[in-house]
Amino acid sequence: MDVIPSVCKNNGRRKVSKDVEMDIEYLYEAVPQLSTVFHIRDKIGEGTFSSVYLGEALMADGRKEKFALKHLIPTSHPVRIAAELQCLTVAGGRENVMGVTYCFRQNDHCVIVMPYMEHQTFVEVIGLLSFEDVRQYIYHLLKALRHIHQFGIIHRDIKPTNFLYNHLEKKFALVDFGLAQGTADTQMELLKVVKQKTQKGGGSVGKPETSNRKRAPPDLTSLVPPPQTHSHPKTSAPHSSSSTSSSSSTKPTAKRVLASPVTSTSRTKNTKDLSGLCRTPRAVFGERNLNSCAPARTIDPTVELVKPSKTEDPANRRFISIPRRPLPVRTPVNNKRTNPTVNLGLTCSCHTTDRVCNVCMSRKQQVAPRAGTPGFRAPEVLTKCPNQGTAIDIWSAGVILLSLLSGRYPFFKASDDLIALTQIMTIRGSKETIQAAGTFGKSVVCSRELPRQDLRTLCETLRGRRPSPDDEATPQDYRDSPVSAGPADEPSGRGGSEDDRGLAEVGVQDERGWNQVPDEAYDLLDRLLDLNPATRITAKQALEHPLFAGL
């Protein structure tokens, strides 16, 4: 989805490329009001549904202030745009959740103005964080999740690029509610509309529409207060497209009258009563309608066919049907293919085979939300569970904590949902995954059993603080082995080797507190990555975890 990536180098004074200049000019033309308030300096982010720009505005007190301008693509659904604005206005501006300052709309273009926060990318800081930094990071992320979950908001796209982090100033901000949905008791009225449209249409309202039908966007500017600026926006006529100008009435009035239903009831000598034609089933190309249940008509076999003479006037010709024997009454034929009636409670037996059984064919296709970023989707999302709640955000937060404790980002990276589910099994265990899937009505089959891994052993191995399982030591051996690779007074004989650099890296990690990671950190990680959403820890419960004692 849409993100606000890293801060511009040199406070945004880097050289702007030609493509960015063209995008800025296009934005000025699409929304002329922006030029009266903002000086757009750079393009700082681009996603599937929007682009983010850095703009400066001269405030009333004479100072310049930076803002992030999020330009949504013109095909975004108006309800989705309004729902995102409602999340920002109601829940934003506090508890580490980004707020909104203003909103511009011109025809089908919408620009959301938000405060700009200088931050670093997750990739830049993940190798520099101490354990205390990680503790603070995950604490403030859970704090933001607790806040939005209290309003019944499911973010659906929790990932590091959507949680801005300023390492120096210790600032945090949760952004991008473009995929947000509401819970059953949500306080966001527009999220209820989004949920109804998603359930009715079977898709996500946030996806671009392919229809060319014009629609009137809602009044989005009434949701937010205007900013304080040094000048008033200039009045400019909105740009009118060619389709708007061509929508005027240019067709003759007579055609409209002919297109309307016939309301006259008068009949003349040559007119016929056509009212019954739409009710009576008509045969196609003269064949008998086998779908009709009407009894067959009996015809007198003595009636003979009278052939018209060649000199007869065609206008006065009379045709008499050929005498035929009555056709046998046939049962109505239904050409539509119907699935065989199968007990839906039966267990499928076609897995690991090259066929599809009738049990699978008789099941209806299940539609469930899949919005989110690959690698951060919860198991219930990957298995298309229809009942998805705020627990999917908690799972994503657990994946972030797993990356922070292991030093690996991204941790999960899969091309499809099945591979993503397999990667989860390698960490949490196949047996546990199958059992958890059964709790929310899903059946998962794995070709072989995958054991559940110890999270501390996994993270410390990936950080280089433990020997790799590929070494001669067994997992039980290196689980209790010392941190250092060997005695400190033993010379390696290879000055500047990889072993020395590894020891130096371990020493740096020790200075950052990675040699004293408490068990509470991995206990919280285990509860965040609970495969069962019903028993997964909530954001409110996680903030009361012993790991955050003193915060």
Protein backbone atom coordinates (compact mmCIF):
# COMPACT_ATOMS: atom_id res chain seq x y z
CA MET A 1 0.00 0.00 0.00
CA ASP A 2 0.87 3.62 0.22
CA VAL A 3 3.74 4.68 2.43
CA ILE A 4 5.73 7.72 3.39
CA PRO A 5 9.28 6.42 2.97
CA SER A 6 12.53 7.82 4.22
CA VAL A 7 13.23 11.45 4.83
CA CYS A 8 14.84 13.37 2.01
CA LYS A 9 18.58 13.73 2.33
CA ASN A 10 19.98 17.10 3.30
CA ASN A 11 16.57 18.19 4.60
CA GLY A 12 14.94 17.70 1.23
CA ARG A 13 17.45 19.77 -0.76
CA ARG A 14 18.55 17.02 -3.09
CA LYS A 15 18.24 17.52 -6.82
CA VAL A 16 14.81 16.66 -8.14
CA SER A 17 14.69 14.44 -11.23
CA LYS A 18 12.83 15.30 -14.40
CA ASP A 19 10.16 12.68 -13.71
CA VAL A 20 9.49 14.10 -10.25
CA GLU A 21 9.25 17.61 -11.69
CA MET A 22 6.66 16.39 -14.19
CA ASP A 23 4.69 14.69 -11.41
CA ILE A 24 4.72 17.90 -9.36
CA GLU A 25 3.53 19.94 -12.35
CA TYR A 26 0.76 17.42 -12.96
CA LEU A 27 -0.32 17.72 -9.33
CA TYR A 28 -0.41 21.50 -9.57
CA GLU A 29 -2.59 21.27 -12.68
CA ALA A 30 -4.88 18.63 -11.19
CA VAL A 31 -5.40 20.56 -7.92
CA PRO A 32 -4.71 24.28 -8.60
CA GLN A 33 -5.51 25.26 -5.00
CA LEU A 34 -2.24 23.73 -3.85
CA SER A 35 -0.15 26.39 -5.56
CA THR A 36 -1.72 29.10 -3.39
CA VAL A 37 -0.69 27.42 -0.13
CA PHE A 38 2.20 25.00 -0.68
CA HIS A 39 5.53 24.95 -2.38
CA ILE A 40 5.98 21.28 -3.33
CA ARG A 41 9.65 20.44 -3.07
CA ASP A 42 9.96 16.74 -3.71
CA LYS A 43 8.22 13.41 -4.14
CA ILE A 44 9.00 11.31 -1.09
CA GLY A 45 6.87 8.22 -1.59
CA GLU A 46 4.85 6.26 -4.09
CA GLY A 47 2.48 3.34 -3.60
CA THR A 48 -0.23 1.44 -5.39
CA PHE A 49 -3.04 3.85 -4.62
CA SER A 50 -1.27 7.17 -3.94
CA SER A 51 1.87 9.28 -4.12
CA VAL A 52 3.29 11.36 -1.27
CA TYR A 53 4.98 14.74 -1.73
CA LEU A 54 6.88 17.06 0.58
CA GLY A 55 5.44 20.56 0.68
CA GLU A 56 6.22 23.77 2.55
CA ALA A 57 3.71 26.36 3.67
CA LEU A 58 4.30 29.86 5.04
CA MET A 59 2.41 30.10 8.30
CA ALA A 60 0.75 33.18 9.75
CA ASP A 61 3.62 33.81 12.14
CA GLY A 62 6.12 33.93 9.27
CA ARG A 63 7.74 30.52 9.76
CA LYS A 64 7.84 27.76 7.17
CA GLU A 65 6.38 24.42 8.06
CA LYS A 66 6.67 21.10 6.22
CA PHE A 67 3.70 18.94 5.34
CA ALA A 68 3.21 15.55 3.69
CA LEU A 69 0.77 15.72 0.77
CA LYS A 70 -0.82 12.40 -0.07
CA HIS A 71 -2.31 12.44 -3.58
CA LEU A 72 -4.76 9.57 -4.04
CA ILE A 73 -5.21 8.11 -7.50
CA PRO A 74 -8.38 9.35 -9.27
CA THR A 75 -9.86 5.82 -9.41
CA SER A 76 -9.96 5.45 -5.62
CA HIS A 77 -13.45 4.80 -4.33
CA PRO A 78 -15.00 7.90 -2.68
CA VAL A 79 -16.19 5.84 0.30
CA ARG A 80 -12.69 4.49 0.84
CA ILE A 81 -11.21 8.01 0.73
CA ALA A 82 -13.82 9.32 3.17
CA ALA A 83 -13.24 6.37 5.49
CA GLU A 84 -9.49 7.01 5.57
CA LEU A 85 -10.12 10.66 6.38
CA GLN A 86 -12.51 9.74 9.17
CA CYS A 87 -9.91 7.45 10.73
CA LEU A 88 -7.33 10.24 10.62
CA THR A 89 -9.65 12.89 12.04
CA VAL A 90 -11.24 10.81 14.80
CA ALA A 91 -8.34 8.62 15.96
CA GLY A 92 -5.36 10.55 14.61
CA GLY A 93 -3.25 13.24 16.18
CA ARG A 94 -2.46 11.39 19.44
CA GLU A 95 -1.17 8.10 20.83
CA ASN A 96 1.42 7.75 18.04
CA VAL A 97 -1.23 7.92 15.30
CA MET A 98 -0.78 10.38 12.44
CA GLY A 99 -3.43 13.10 12.17
CA VAL A 100 -4.70 15.17 9.27
CA THR A 101 -4.43 18.93 8.73
CA TYR A 102 -6.49 19.60 5.63
CA CYS A 103 -7.94 18.01 2.52
CA PHE A 104 -8.13 19.36 -1.02
CA ARG A 105 -10.49 18.02 -3.66
CA GLN A 106 -10.69 19.00 -7.31
CA ASN A 107 -13.00 16.90 -9.48
CA ASP A 108 -11.83 13.30 -8.92
CA HIS A 109 -8.45 14.26 -7.41
CA CYS A 110 -7.99 14.26 -3.65
CA VAL A 111 -4.96 15.41 -1.62
CA ILE A 112 -4.72 14.71 2.11
CA VAL A 113 -2.43 17.10 3.99
CA MET A 114 -0.70 15.65 7.07
CA PRO A 115 2.06 16.88 9.38
CA TYR A 116 5.51 15.87 8.18
CA MET A 117 7.73 13.90 10.53
CA GLU A 118 11.40 13.38 9.79
CA HIS A 119 12.26 9.72 10.13
CA GLN A 120 14.65 7.00 9.05
CA THR A 121 13.87 3.85 7.13
CA PHE A 122 13.65 0.56 8.97
CA VAL A 123 16.52 -0.87 6.92
CA GLU A 124 18.81 1.97 7.98
CA VAL A 125 18.28 1.56 11.71
CA ILE A 126 17.61 -2.15 12.25
CA GLY A 127 21.33 -2.90 12.59
CA LEU A 128 21.96 0.07 14.90
CA LEU A 129 19.24 -0.42 17.48
CA SER A 130 19.96 -1.50 21.00
CA PHE A 131 17.62 -3.84 22.82
CA GLU A 132 16.24 -0.87 24.77
CA ASP A 133 15.45 0.83 21.42
CA VAL A 134 13.59 -2.30 20.33
CA ARG A 135 11.66 -2.33 23.60
CA GLN A 136 10.65 1.29 23.10
CA TYR A 137 9.78 0.72 19.43
CA ILE A 138 7.43 -2.21 19.98
CA TYR A 139 5.91 -0.52 23.04
CA HIS A 140 4.90 2.58 21.05
CA LEU A 141 3.63 0.45 18.16
CA LEU A 142 1.37 -1.50 20.52
CA LYS A 143 0.29 1.78 22.05
CA ALA A 144 -0.87 3.03 18.64
CA LEU A 145 -2.65 -0.28 17.94
CA ARG A 146 -4.45 -0.17 21.27
CA HIS A 147 -5.67 3.33 20.44
CA ILE A 148 -7.11 2.55 17.00
CA HIS A 149 -8.54 -0.79 18.15
CA GLN A 150 -10.53 1.07 20.81
CA PHE A 151 -12.35 2.81 17.93
CA GLY A 152 -13.00 -0.49 16.16
CA ILE A 153 -10.41 0.18 13.44
CA ILE A 154 -8.49 -2.69 11.84
CA HIS A 155 -5.45 -1.18 10.13
CA ARG A 156 -4.78 -4.29 7.98
CA ASP A 157 -1.38 -3.06 6.76
CA ILE A 158 0.90 -2.92 9.80
CA LYS A 159 4.54 -2.95 8.67
CA PRO A 160 7.70 -0.90 9.41
CA THR A 161 7.19 1.46 6.48
CA ASN A 162 3.78 2.43 7.89
CA PHE A 163 5.14 3.11 11.38
CA LEU A 164 7.43 6.11 11.05
CA TYR A 165 10.35 6.21 13.47
CA ASN A 166 12.67 9.05 14.35
CA HIS A 167 15.57 7.37 16.16
CA LEU A 168 17.17 10.58 17.40
CA GLU A 169 14.07 12.31 18.73
CA LYS A 170 12.27 9.08 19.74
CA LYS A 171 9.14 9.94 17.78
CA PHE A 172 6.67 7.47 16.30
CA ALA A 173 3.69 7.77 13.96
CA LEU A 174 1.32 5.17 12.52
CA VAL A 175 0.25 6.17 9.01
CA ASP A 176 -1.72 4.95 5.98
CA PHE A 177 -5.29 3.90 6.73
CA GLY A 178 -6.04 3.25 3.08
CA LEU A 179 -6.87 -0.42 3.71
CA ALA A 180 -8.52 0.02 7.10
CA GLN A 181 -11.69 -1.87 7.92
CA GLY A 182 -14.06 -1.79 10.84
CA THR A 183 -14.91 -4.36 13.45
CA ALA A 184 -18.48 -5.43 14.20
CA ASP A 185 -18.79 -2.66 16.82
CA THR A 186 -16.70 0.00 15.10
CA GLN A 187 -17.34 3.65 15.87
CA MET A 188 -16.40 4.67 12.33
CA GLU A 189 -19.64 4.96 10.37
CA LEU A 190 -17.86 5.00 7.02
CA LEU A 191 -15.97 1.82 7.87
CA LYS A 192 -19.35 0.15 8.30
CA VAL A 193 -20.19 1.16 4.73
CA VAL A 194 -16.86 -0.20 3.52
CA LYS A 195 -17.53 -3.49 5.30
CA GLN A 196 -21.00 -3.79 3.77
CA LYS A 197 -19.69 -3.11 0.28
CA THR A 198 -16.89 -5.61 0.74
CA GLN A 199 -19.23 -8.36 1.93
CA LYS A 200 -21.79 -7.63 -0.78
CA GLY A 201 -19.39 -7.30 -3.67
CA GLY A 202 -16.87 -9.88 -2.53
CA GLY A 203 -13.94 -7.56 -3.06
CA SER A 204 -12.06 -4.71 -1.51
CA VAL A 205 -13.43 -1.21 -1.87
CA GLY A 206 -9.86 0.07 -1.82
CA LYS A 207 -9.03 -1.48 -5.17
CA PRO A 208 -9.06 0.73 -8.26
CA GLU A 209 -12.28 0.63 -10.19
CA THR A 210 -12.30 -0.35 -13.83
CA SER A 211 -15.59 1.28 -14.65
CA ASN A 212 -15.57 4.54 -16.59
CA ARG A 213 -18.81 5.65 -15.05
CA LYS A 214 -18.65 9.15 -13.56
CA ARG A 215 -19.49 9.50 -9.89
CA ALA A 216 -19.73 12.46 -7.59
CA PRO A 217 -17.20 12.27 -4.74
CA PRO A 218 -18.45 13.22 -1.29
CA ASP A 219 -17.57 16.53 0.28
CA LEU A 220 -14.28 15.56 1.91
CA THR A 221 -13.14 19.05 2.87
CA SER A 222 -15.85 19.32 5.51
CA LEU A 223 -14.19 16.64 7.62
CA VAL A 224 -11.10 18.63 8.59
CA PRO A 225 -10.38 22.22 9.58
CA PRO A 226 -8.40 24.50 7.28
CA PRO A 227 -4.75 25.29 8.07
CA GLN A 228 -3.45 28.74 8.94
CA THR A 229 -1.80 30.19 5.87
CA HIS A 230 -0.41 33.55 4.86
CA SER A 231 -2.70 34.02 1.92
CA HIS A 232 -6.17 33.03 0.85
CA PRO A 233 -6.54 30.55 -2.02
CA LYS A 234 -7.11 32.19 -5.36
CA THR A 235 -10.46 31.59 -6.94
CA SER A 236 -10.00 29.55 -10.06
CA ALA A 237 -12.55 27.85 -12.22
CA PRO A 238 -12.33 24.09 -12.08
CA HIS A 239 -10.94 22.36 -15.12
CA SER A 240 -13.68 20.84 -17.23
CA SER A 241 -12.93 17.68 -19.13
CA SER A 242 -14.15 16.84 -22.59
CA SER A 243 -16.55 14.26 -21.23
CA THR A 244 -18.21 16.95 -19.12
CA SER A 245 -18.74 19.27 -22.03
CA SER A 246 -20.11 16.50 -24.19
CA SER A 247 -22.66 15.50 -21.61
CA SER A 248 -24.99 18.31 -22.64
CA SER A 249 -28.20 17.37 -24.40
CA THR A 250 -27.51 17.17 -28.17
CA LYS A 251 -29.80 14.29 -29.20
CA PRO A 252 -33.15 15.03 -30.89
CA THR A 253 -36.16 15.01 -28.66
CA ALA A 254 -37.98 12.58 -30.94
CA LYS A 255 -35.51 9.81 -30.17
CA ARG A 256 -36.13 10.19 -26.47
CA VAL A 257 -39.87 9.92 -27.04
CA LEU A 258 -39.46 6.78 -29.11
CA ALA A 259 -37.25 5.26 -26.46
CA SER A 260 -39.88 5.72 -23.78
CA PRO A 261 -42.48 3.02 -23.13
CA VAL A 262 -45.70 3.15 -25.19
CA THR A 263 -48.49 4.56 -23.10
CA SER A 264 -51.22 4.86 -25.71
CA THR A 265 -54.08 2.37 -25.39
CA SER A 266 -55.85 3.18 -28.66
CA ARG A 267 -55.94 0.51 -31.35
CA THR A 268 -56.45 0.87 -35.05
CA LYS A 269 -57.53 -1.56 -37.73
CA ASN A 270 -54.04 -2.76 -38.58
CA THR A 271 -52.62 -2.88 -35.05
CA LYS A 272 -52.32 -6.02 -32.99
CA ASP A 273 -52.31 -6.62 -29.30
CA LEU A 274 -48.61 -7.09 -28.49
CA SER A 275 -49.02 -7.11 -24.73
CA GLY A 276 -49.02 -10.88 -24.49
CA LEU A 277 -45.84 -11.49 -26.47
CA CYS A 278 -43.59 -10.92 -23.46
CA ARG A 279 -45.56 -13.34 -21.32
CA THR A 280 -45.86 -16.29 -23.70
CA PRO A 281 -42.70 -18.35 -24.29
CA ARG A 282 -41.78 -18.19 -27.96
CA ALA A 283 -40.00 -20.86 -29.93
CA VAL A 284 -36.70 -20.10 -31.56
CA PHE A 285 -36.44 -20.66 -35.35
CA GLY A 286 -39.80 -22.46 -35.37
CA GLU A 287 -38.87 -25.47 -33.21
CA ARG A 288 -41.05 -26.65 -30.41
CA ASN A 289 -40.27 -25.16 -27.01
CA LEU A 290 -39.30 -28.17 -24.92
CA ASN A 291 -39.07 -26.05 -21.78
CA SER A 292 -42.79 -25.37 -21.82
CA CYS A 293 -44.99 -27.48 -19.60
CA ALA A 294 -48.15 -26.79 -21.62
CA PRO A 295 -49.95 -29.90 -22.90
CA ALA A 296 -49.38 -30.88 -26.49
CA ARG A 297 -51.96 -29.67 -28.99
CA THR A 298 -53.91 -32.36 -30.88
CA ILE A 299 -54.45 -31.76 -34.59
CA ASP A 300 -57.06 -33.38 -36.83
CA PRO A 301 -55.18 -35.73 -39.21
CA THR A 302 -57.76 -35.19 -41.93
CA VAL A 303 -56.69 -31.61 -42.49
CA GLU A 304 -54.67 -31.35 -45.71
CA LEU A 305 -52.16 -28.75 -46.79
CA VAL A 306 -53.49 -26.26 -49.33
CA LYS A 307 -50.78 -25.03 -51.65
CA PRO A 308 -51.21 -21.50 -52.96
CA SER A 309 -51.29 -21.00 -56.68
CA LYS A 310 -48.43 -19.25 -58.41
CA THR A 311 -50.67 -16.42 -59.59
CA GLU A 312 -51.99 -15.74 -56.14
CA ASP A 313 -51.34 -12.34 -54.64
CA PRO A 314 -48.67 -12.74 -51.90
CA ALA A 315 -50.58 -10.34 -49.68
CA ASN A 316 -53.58 -12.66 -49.60
CA ARG A 317 -51.70 -15.90 -49.03
CA ARG A 318 -52.93 -18.15 -46.24
CA PHE A 319 -50.82 -20.85 -44.68
CA ILE A 320 -52.20 -23.88 -42.95
CA SER A 321 -50.06 -25.97 -40.68
CA ILE A 322 -49.06 -29.50 -41.72
CA PRO A 323 -50.99 -32.20 -39.89
CA ARG A 324 -48.71 -34.01 -37.47
CA ARG A 325 -49.11 -36.64 -34.84
CA PRO A 326 -49.19 -35.26 -31.32
CA LEU A 327 -45.75 -35.16 -29.75
CA PRO A 328 -45.31 -37.02 -26.49
CA VAL A 329 -45.28 -34.89 -23.42
CA ARG A 330 -41.70 -34.47 -22.26
CA THR A 331 -40.42 -33.40 -18.93
CA PRO A 332 -38.86 -29.94 -18.83
CA VAL A 333 -35.17 -29.94 -19.69
CA ASN A 334 -32.86 -27.75 -17.63
CA ASN A 335 -29.72 -26.92 -19.57
CA LYS A 336 -28.01 -25.38 -16.58
CA ARG A 337 -25.32 -27.49 -15.01
CA THR A 338 -25.93 -28.18 -11.36
CA ASN A 339 -23.43 -29.45 -8.87
CA PRO A 340 -24.25 -32.80 -7.30
CA THR A 341 -25.76 -32.65 -3.86
CA VAL A 342 -23.05 -33.61 -1.43
CA ASN A 343 -23.03 -33.56 2.32
CA LEU A 344 -20.83 -30.57 3.11
CA GLY A 345 -19.80 -32.20 6.35
CA LEU A 346 -17.88 -34.89 4.53
CA THR A 347 -14.12 -34.87 4.70
CA CYS A 348 -12.27 -34.25 1.45
CA SER A 349 -10.20 -37.21 0.25
CA CYS A 350 -8.66 -35.79 -2.91
CA HIS A 351 -5.57 -34.17 -1.39
CA THR A 352 -2.20 -35.52 -2.57
CA THR A 353 -3.98 -36.88 -5.65
CA ASP A 354 -4.37 -35.62 -9.23
CA ARG A 355 -8.13 -35.23 -9.09
CA VAL A 356 -10.77 -33.03 -7.48
CA CYS A 357 -13.53 -34.82 -5.61
CA ASN A 358 -17.22 -33.93 -5.56
CA VAL A 359 -16.93 -32.65 -2.00
CA CYS A 360 -14.54 -29.91 -3.13
CA MET A 361 -16.57 -29.19 -6.29
CA SER A 362 -19.78 -28.73 -4.31
CA ARG A 363 -18.32 -26.17 -1.93
CA LYS A 364 -18.95 -22.54 -2.70
CA GLN A 365 -16.02 -20.24 -3.23
CA GLN A 366 -15.33 -18.45 0.04
CA VAL A 367 -14.60 -14.75 -0.16
CA ALA A 368 -12.56 -13.11 2.59
CA PRO A 369 -10.44 -9.95 2.83
CA ARG A 370 -6.82 -10.45 1.81
CA ALA A 371 -5.64 -6.86 1.92
CA GLY A 372 -2.20 -6.34 3.39
CA THR A 373 1.48 -6.71 2.58
CA PRO A 374 3.00 -10.15 1.85
CA GLY A 375 5.13 -11.32 4.75
CA PHE A 376 2.94 -9.63 7.37
CA ARG A 377 -0.38 -11.41 6.75
CA ALA A 378 -1.75 -13.48 9.62
CA PRO A 379 -2.58 -17.19 9.19
CA GLU A 380 -6.31 -16.44 9.21
CA VAL A 381 -5.79 -14.05 6.31
CA LEU A 382 -3.70 -16.55 4.34
CA THR A 383 -6.37 -19.23 4.78
CA LYS A 384 -9.22 -16.84 3.85
CA CYS A 385 -10.97 -16.94 7.18
CA PRO A 386 -14.12 -14.78 6.84
CA ASN A 387 -14.06 -13.57 10.46
CA GLN A 388 -11.02 -11.33 10.73
CA GLY A 389 -10.53 -8.85 13.56
CA THR A 390 -7.92 -6.69 15.20
CA ALA A 391 -5.81 -9.80 15.87
CA ILE A 392 -4.37 -9.56 12.35
CA ASP A 393 -2.67 -6.29 13.34
CA ILE A 394 -1.20 -7.99 16.40
CA TRP A 395 0.29 -10.74 14.23
CA SER A 396 1.93 -8.13 12.00
CA ALA A 397 3.40 -6.45 15.08
CA GLY A 398 4.79 -9.84 16.11
CA VAL A 399 6.50 -10.23 12.73
CA ILE A 400 8.10 -6.80 13.22
CA LEU A 401 9.34 -7.82 16.67
CA LEU A 402 10.70 -11.04 15.17
CA SER A 403 12.71 -8.98 12.67
CA LEU A 404 14.01 -6.71 15.42
CA LEU A 405 15.12 -9.55 17.68
CA SER A 406 16.70 -11.55 14.85
CA GLY A 407 18.15 -8.60 12.92
CA ARG A 408 16.65 -9.92 9.66
CA TYR A 409 14.34 -7.83 7.49
CA PRO A 410 12.16 -8.81 5.80
CA PHE A 411 11.82 -12.01 7.77
CA PHE A 412 9.09 -13.64 5.65
CA LYS A 413 9.12 -13.19 1.90
CA ALA A 414 6.84 -15.39 -0.20
CA SER A 415 5.37 -15.19 -3.68
CA ASP A 416 1.93 -16.59 -2.74
CA ASP A 417 -0.18 -17.44 0.28
CA LEU A 418 0.67 -21.15 0.36
CA ILE A 419 4.41 -20.49 0.48
CA ALA A 420 3.83 -17.84 3.15
CA LEU A 421 1.87 -20.36 5.22
CA THR A 422 4.69 -22.90 4.77
CA GLN A 423 7.23 -20.37 6.02
CA ILE A 424 5.10 -19.81 9.12
CA MET A 425 5.00 -23.57 9.67
CA THR A 426 8.79 -23.76 9.66
CA ILE A 427 8.85 -21.38 12.63
CA ARG A 428 5.70 -22.23 14.56
CA GLY A 429 5.37 -25.90 13.62
CA SER A 430 3.10 -27.71 11.18
CA LYS A 431 1.10 -29.56 13.85
CA GLU A 432 0.37 -26.33 15.71
CA THR A 433 -0.63 -24.59 12.46
CA ILE A 434 -3.04 -27.37 11.51
CA GLN A 435 -4.64 -27.33 14.95
CA ALA A 436 -5.01 -23.55 14.92
CA ALA A 437 -6.56 -23.60 11.45
CA GLY A 438 -9.15 -26.07 12.67
CA THR A 439 -10.29 -23.61 15.34
CA PHE A 440 -11.50 -21.16 12.68
CA GLY A 441 -12.93 -23.75 10.29
CA LYS A 442 -9.98 -24.39 8.00
CA SER A 443 -8.23 -27.62 7.07
CA VAL A 444 -4.50 -27.47 6.34
CA VAL A 445 -2.56 -30.47 5.04
CA CYS A 446 1.23 -30.65 5.21
CA SER A 447 3.30 -33.29 3.39
CA ARG A 448 5.64 -33.76 6.36
CA GLU A 449 5.75 -32.69 9.95
CA LEU A 450 7.76 -29.57 10.77
CA PRO A 451 8.84 -29.11 14.39
CA ARG A 452 8.23 -25.93 16.33
CA GLN A 453 11.38 -23.87 16.82
CA ASP A 454 12.53 -22.16 19.98
CA LEU A 455 12.28 -18.43 19.36
CA ARG A 456 15.30 -17.47 21.47
CA THR A 457 17.50 -20.04 19.74
CA LEU A 458 16.26 -18.90 16.35
CA CYS A 459 16.83 -15.18 16.93
CA GLU A 460 20.22 -15.58 18.57
CA THR A 461 21.38 -17.92 15.82
CA LEU A 462 20.37 -15.44 13.13
CA ARG A 463 22.16 -12.67 15.04
CA GLY A 464 25.35 -14.74 15.07
CA ARG A 465 25.35 -15.18 18.80
CA ARG A 466 24.98 -18.96 18.59
CA PRO A 467 26.51 -21.58 16.29
CA SER A 468 24.48 -22.40 13.23
CA PRO A 469 22.57 -25.71 13.20
CA ASP A 470 24.70 -26.62 10.17
CA ASP A 471 27.68 -27.01 12.51
CA GLU A 472 28.51 -30.26 14.24
CA ALA A 473 26.73 -29.19 17.40
CA THR A 474 23.16 -30.38 17.76
CA PRO A 475 20.36 -27.91 18.59
CA GLN A 476 20.40 -29.08 22.23
CA ASP A 477 24.17 -28.59 22.39
CA TYR A 478 24.25 -25.02 21.15
CA ARG A 479 21.14 -24.05 23.10
CA ASP A 480 23.25 -24.01 26.25
CA SER A 481 26.58 -23.04 24.70
CA PRO A 482 28.40 -19.81 25.68
CA VAL A 483 27.90 -16.66 23.65
CA SER A 484 31.46 -16.23 22.39
CA ALA A 485 32.82 -18.55 19.67
CA GLY A 486 35.86 -19.54 21.73
CA PRO A 487 38.12 -18.54 24.61
CA ALA A 488 39.14 -14.92 24.43
CA ASP A 489 42.82 -15.70 25.12
CA GLU A 490 43.09 -18.28 22.35
CA PRO A 491 44.87 -16.78 19.33
CA SER A 492 43.18 -17.59 16.07
CA GLY A 493 46.31 -17.30 13.96
CA ARG A 494 44.33 -15.49 11.24
CA GLY A 495 44.53 -11.80 11.89
CA GLY A 496 41.54 -9.91 10.51
CA SER A 497 39.66 -13.11 9.71
CA GLU A 498 35.90 -13.55 9.64
CA ASP A 499 36.05 -15.05 13.14
CA ASP A 500 37.66 -11.89 14.49
CA ARG A 501 35.10 -9.73 12.79
CA GLY A 502 32.37 -11.96 14.19
CA LEU A 503 33.74 -11.55 17.70
CA ALA A 504 33.93 -7.81 17.19
CA GLU A 505 30.31 -7.79 16.08
CA VAL A 506 29.32 -9.78 19.14
CA GLY A 507 31.17 -7.22 21.28
CA VAL A 508 29.22 -4.39 19.66
CA GLN A 509 25.98 -6.24 20.28
CA ASP A 510 26.93 -6.74 23.92
CA GLU A 511 27.37 -2.99 24.30
CA ARG A 512 23.82 -2.54 22.98
CA GLY A 513 22.37 -4.96 25.48
CA TRP A 514 21.86 -7.94 23.19
CA ASN A 515 23.66 -10.21 25.64
CA GLN A 516 21.00 -9.52 28.25
CA VAL A 517 17.73 -10.01 26.38
CA PRO A 518 15.25 -11.19 29.02
CA ASP A 519 12.96 -14.15 28.59
CA GLU A 520 10.01 -11.77 28.71
CA ALA A 521 10.89 -10.51 25.21
CA TYR A 522 10.56 -13.97 23.67
CA ASP A 523 7.48 -14.71 25.75
CA LEU A 524 5.80 -11.62 24.31
CA LEU A 525 6.94 -12.61 20.82
CA ASP A 526 5.41 -16.06 21.31
CA ARG A 527 2.08 -14.55 22.36
CA LEU A 528 2.06 -12.03 19.51
CA LEU A 529 2.66 -14.85 17.02
CA ASP A 530 -0.07 -17.05 18.45
CA LEU A 531 -1.49 -19.02 15.52
CA ASN A 532 -5.00 -18.92 16.98
CA PRO A 533 -6.49 -15.40 16.68
CA ALA A 534 -8.97 -16.18 19.48
CA THR A 535 -6.19 -16.66 22.03
CA ARG A 536 -3.71 -14.19 20.56
CA ILE A 537 -2.77 -11.41 22.94
CA THR A 538 -4.45 -8.03 22.43
CA ALA A 539 -2.67 -4.69 22.27
CA LYS A 540 -4.07 -3.70 25.65
CA GLN A 541 -2.88 -6.93 27.25
CA ALA A 542 0.52 -6.66 25.57
CA LEU A 543 1.14 -3.21 27.06
CA GLU A 544 0.69 -4.77 30.51
CA HIS A 545 3.33 -7.42 29.77
CA PRO A 546 6.29 -7.61 32.20
CA LEU A 547 8.62 -6.67 29.34
CA PHE A 548 7.35 -3.09 29.53
CA ALA A 549 7.71 -2.70 33.28
CA GLY A 550 8.82 0.84 33.97
CA LEU A 551 7.43 2.31 30.77
